[in-house]
Amino acid sequence: MKTCVTWLFIASFLTLAGCNTVKGVGQDLQKAGEKIEGAAKKN
């Protein structure tokens, strides 16, 4: 369990560090939402 939490923390940190700004986080979330929506429409 500790290992899983550690990896989740590391992944979250790297994701946020890659965005650099709140605006970047918003854009990333929007792109992810669009991909999910596209996948849902295919099914």
N, C-alpha and C. Protein backbone atom coordinates (compact mmCIF):
# COMPACT_ATOMS: atom_id res chain seq x y z
N MET A 1 0.83 -1.20 0.00
CA MET A 1 0.00 0.00 0.00
C MET A 1 0.87 1.25 0.00
N LYS A 2 1.93 1.25 0.80
CA LYS A 2 2.82 2.41 0.85
C LYS A 2 3.45 2.68 -0.51
N THR A 3 3.82 1.61 -1.20
CA THR A 3 4.44 1.76 -2.51
C THR A 3 3.48 2.40 -3.49
N CYS A 4 2.24 1.97 -3.46
CA CYS A 4 1.22 2.52 -4.35
C CYS A 4 1.01 4.01 -4.09
N VAL A 5 0.92 4.39 -2.85
CA VAL A 5 0.73 5.79 -2.48
C VAL A 5 1.94 6.61 -2.90
N THR A 6 3.12 6.06 -2.73
CA THR A 6 4.35 6.76 -3.11
C THR A 6 4.39 7.01 -4.61
N TRP A 7 4.07 6.00 -5.39
CA TRP A 7 4.07 6.17 -6.85
C TRP A 7 2.99 7.16 -7.29
N LEU A 8 1.85 7.14 -6.64
CA LEU A 8 0.79 8.08 -6.97
C LEU A 8 1.23 9.51 -6.68
N PHE A 9 1.91 9.70 -5.55
CA PHE A 9 2.42 11.03 -5.19
C PHE A 9 3.45 11.50 -6.20
N ILE A 10 4.36 10.63 -6.60
CA ILE A 10 5.39 10.98 -7.57
C ILE A 10 4.76 11.34 -8.92
N ALA A 11 3.80 10.54 -9.36
CA ALA A 11 3.13 10.82 -10.63
C ALA A 11 2.39 12.15 -10.59
N SER A 12 1.72 12.43 -9.49
CA SER A 12 1.00 13.70 -9.34
C SER A 12 1.98 14.87 -9.36
N PHE A 13 3.09 14.74 -8.67
CA PHE A 13 4.08 15.80 -8.63
C PHE A 13 4.64 16.08 -10.03
N LEU A 14 4.98 15.02 -10.76
CA LEU A 14 5.53 15.20 -12.10
C LEU A 14 4.50 15.82 -13.05
N THR A 15 3.26 15.43 -12.90
CA THR A 15 2.21 15.99 -13.74
C THR A 15 2.06 17.48 -13.48
N LEU A 16 2.01 17.86 -12.23
CA LEU A 16 1.86 19.28 -11.88
C LEU A 16 3.10 20.08 -12.25
N ALA A 17 4.26 19.49 -12.11
CA ALA A 17 5.50 20.19 -12.46
C ALA A 17 5.56 20.42 -13.96
N GLY A 18 4.99 19.51 -14.74
CA GLY A 18 4.98 19.67 -16.19
C GLY A 18 4.05 20.76 -16.67
N CYS A 19 3.05 21.06 -15.90
CA CYS A 19 2.07 22.06 -16.31
C CYS A 19 2.56 23.48 -16.03
N ASN A 20 3.23 23.67 -14.92
CA ASN A 20 3.80 24.94 -14.49
C ASN A 20 2.78 25.98 -14.02
N THR A 21 1.59 25.99 -14.52
CA THR A 21 0.61 27.01 -14.13
C THR A 21 -0.76 26.39 -13.96
N VAL A 22 -1.63 27.12 -13.31
CA VAL A 22 -3.02 26.67 -13.16
C VAL A 22 -3.69 26.61 -14.52
N LYS A 23 -3.36 27.57 -15.38
CA LYS A 23 -3.91 27.57 -16.74
C LYS A 23 -3.51 26.29 -17.47
N GLY A 24 -2.27 25.89 -17.30
CA GLY A 24 -1.79 24.66 -17.94
C GLY A 24 -2.54 23.43 -17.43
N VAL A 25 -2.82 23.40 -16.14
CA VAL A 25 -3.58 22.29 -15.57
C VAL A 25 -4.98 22.25 -16.19
N GLY A 26 -5.60 23.41 -16.32
CA GLY A 26 -6.93 23.49 -16.93
C GLY A 26 -6.92 22.99 -18.37
N GLN A 27 -5.90 23.36 -19.11
CA GLN A 27 -5.80 22.92 -20.50
C GLN A 27 -5.59 21.41 -20.57
N ASP A 28 -4.77 20.88 -19.69
CA ASP A 28 -4.54 19.44 -19.67
C ASP A 28 -5.81 18.68 -19.34
N LEU A 29 -6.56 19.17 -18.36
CA LEU A 29 -7.83 18.52 -18.00
C LEU A 29 -8.83 18.60 -19.14
N GLN A 30 -8.84 19.71 -19.84
CA GLN A 30 -9.76 19.86 -20.97
C GLN A 30 -9.42 18.86 -22.07
N LYS A 31 -8.15 18.71 -22.38
CA LYS A 31 -7.73 17.76 -23.40
C LYS A 31 -8.08 16.33 -23.00
N ALA A 32 -7.87 16.01 -21.73
CA ALA A 32 -8.21 14.67 -21.24
C ALA A 32 -9.70 14.43 -21.37
N GLY A 33 -10.50 15.44 -21.03
CA GLY A 33 -11.95 15.32 -21.15
C GLY A 33 -12.39 15.11 -22.58
N GLU A 34 -11.74 15.80 -23.51
CA GLU A 34 -12.08 15.65 -24.92
C GLU A 34 -11.77 14.24 -25.41
N LYS A 35 -10.66 13.68 -24.95
CA LYS A 35 -10.30 12.31 -25.35
C LYS A 35 -11.29 11.30 -24.79
N ILE A 36 -11.70 11.51 -23.55
CA ILE A 36 -12.68 10.60 -22.94
C ILE A 36 -14.01 10.70 -23.69
N GLU A 37 -14.39 11.92 -24.01
CA GLU A 37 -15.66 12.13 -24.74
C GLU A 37 -15.61 11.47 -26.10
N GLY A 38 -14.47 11.61 -26.78
CA GLY A 38 -14.32 10.97 -28.10
C GLY A 38 -14.39 9.46 -28.00
N ALA A 39 -13.79 8.90 -26.98
CA ALA A 39 -13.82 7.44 -26.79
C ALA A 39 -15.23 6.97 -26.49
N ALA A 40 -15.97 7.78 -25.73
CA ALA A 40 -17.35 7.40 -25.38
C ALA A 40 -18.25 7.44 -26.61
N LYS A 41 -18.00 8.40 -27.50
CA LYS A 41 -18.82 8.50 -28.73
C LYS A 41 -18.57 7.34 -29.67
N LYS A 42 -17.36 6.79 -29.68
CA LYS A 42 -17.03 5.66 -30.54
C LYS A 42 -17.80 4.41 -30.14
N ASN A 43 -18.08 4.31 -28.84
CA ASN A 43 -18.79 3.12 -28.34
C ASN A 43 -20.22 3.37 -28.46
